[in-house]
Protein backbone atom coordinates (compact mmCIF):
# COMPACT_ATOMS: atom_id res chain seq x y z
CA UNK A 1 71.76 129.38 0.23
CA UNK A 2 70.78 127.01 3.03
CA UNK A 3 67.51 126.24 1.26
CA UNK A 4 69.27 125.23 -1.97
CA UNK A 5 71.75 123.04 -0.11
CA UNK A 6 68.97 121.32 1.81
CA UNK A 7 67.00 120.75 -1.38
CA UNK A 8 70.01 119.22 -3.16
CA UNK A 9 70.71 116.97 -0.19
CA UNK A 10 67.10 115.76 -0.10
CA UNK A 11 67.11 115.04 -3.84
CA UNK A 12 70.29 113.00 -3.57
CA UNK A 13 69.00 111.05 -0.57
CA UNK A 14 65.51 110.33 -1.88
CA UNK A 15 66.25 109.79 -5.57
CA UNK A 16 69.54 107.87 -5.78
CA UNK A 17 68.39 106.01 -8.88
CA UNK A 18 68.44 109.29 -10.80
CA UNK A 19 72.03 109.88 -9.78
CA UNK A 20 73.22 106.48 -11.02
CA UNK A 21 71.40 106.52 -14.37
CA UNK A 22 74.34 107.58 -16.49
CA UNK A 23 76.74 105.06 -14.96
CA UNK A 24 74.44 102.19 -15.88
CA UNK A 25 74.03 103.51 -19.41
CA UNK A 26 77.77 103.93 -19.94
CA UNK A 27 78.42 100.45 -18.61
CA UNK A 28 75.77 98.97 -20.93
CA UNK A 29 77.32 100.65 -23.97
CA UNK A 30 80.84 99.57 -23.05
CA UNK A 31 79.81 95.98 -22.34
CA UNK A 32 77.87 95.66 -25.59
CA UNK A 33 80.76 96.76 -27.79
CA UNK A 34 82.99 94.00 -29.21
CA UNK A 35 86.14 95.96 -30.15
CA UNK A 36 86.82 97.59 -26.80
CA UNK A 37 87.64 101.03 -28.26
CA UNK A 38 84.93 102.74 -26.23
CA UNK A 39 86.15 101.15 -23.01
CA UNK A 40 89.70 102.23 -23.76
CA UNK A 41 88.56 105.80 -24.42
CA UNK A 42 86.47 105.83 -21.27
CA UNK A 43 89.40 104.62 -19.16
CA UNK A 44 91.71 107.23 -20.69
CA UNK A 45 89.19 109.96 -19.89
CA UNK A 46 88.97 108.79 -16.29
CA UNK A 47 92.76 108.92 -15.96
CA UNK A 48 92.83 112.50 -17.31
CA UNK A 49 90.06 113.57 -14.96
CA UNK A 50 91.87 111.98 -12.03
CA UNK A 51 95.32 113.42 -12.89
CA UNK A 52 94.39 117.09 -13.33
CA UNK A 53 93.58 117.83 -9.64
CA UNK A 54 96.84 116.19 -8.54
CA UNK A 55 98.83 118.28 -11.02
CA UNK A 56 97.12 121.47 -9.84
CA UNK A 57 97.76 120.71 -6.17
CA UNK A 58 101.41 119.83 -6.88
CA UNK A 59 101.85 123.12 -8.76
CA UNK A 60 100.30 125.06 -5.90
CA UNK A 61 102.51 123.30 -3.36
CA UNK A 62 105.59 124.05 -5.47
CA UNK A 63 104.62 127.73 -5.75
CA UNK A 64 104.12 127.98 -1.99
CA UNK A 65 107.45 126.23 -1.40
CA UNK A 66 109.30 128.67 -3.68
CA UNK A 67 107.58 131.69 -2.09
CA UNK A 68 108.44 130.53 1.44
CA UNK A 69 112.02 129.65 0.52
CA UNK A 70 113.09 132.91 -0.90
């Protein structure tokens, strides 16, 4: 387990350009489009990805609150 974690850490530290490849490609596609539909879809996807963890944590907190209350 320690070996895999160390290997992943080394890859991220020594090859950061590999980690950023997709971001540059997405940005190039969005900037080259004239209509803006891809950018709108990308932004909506980001909002969904950002909202789901908050909803899950709020649900967990509510469940804990109800269990502690009664």
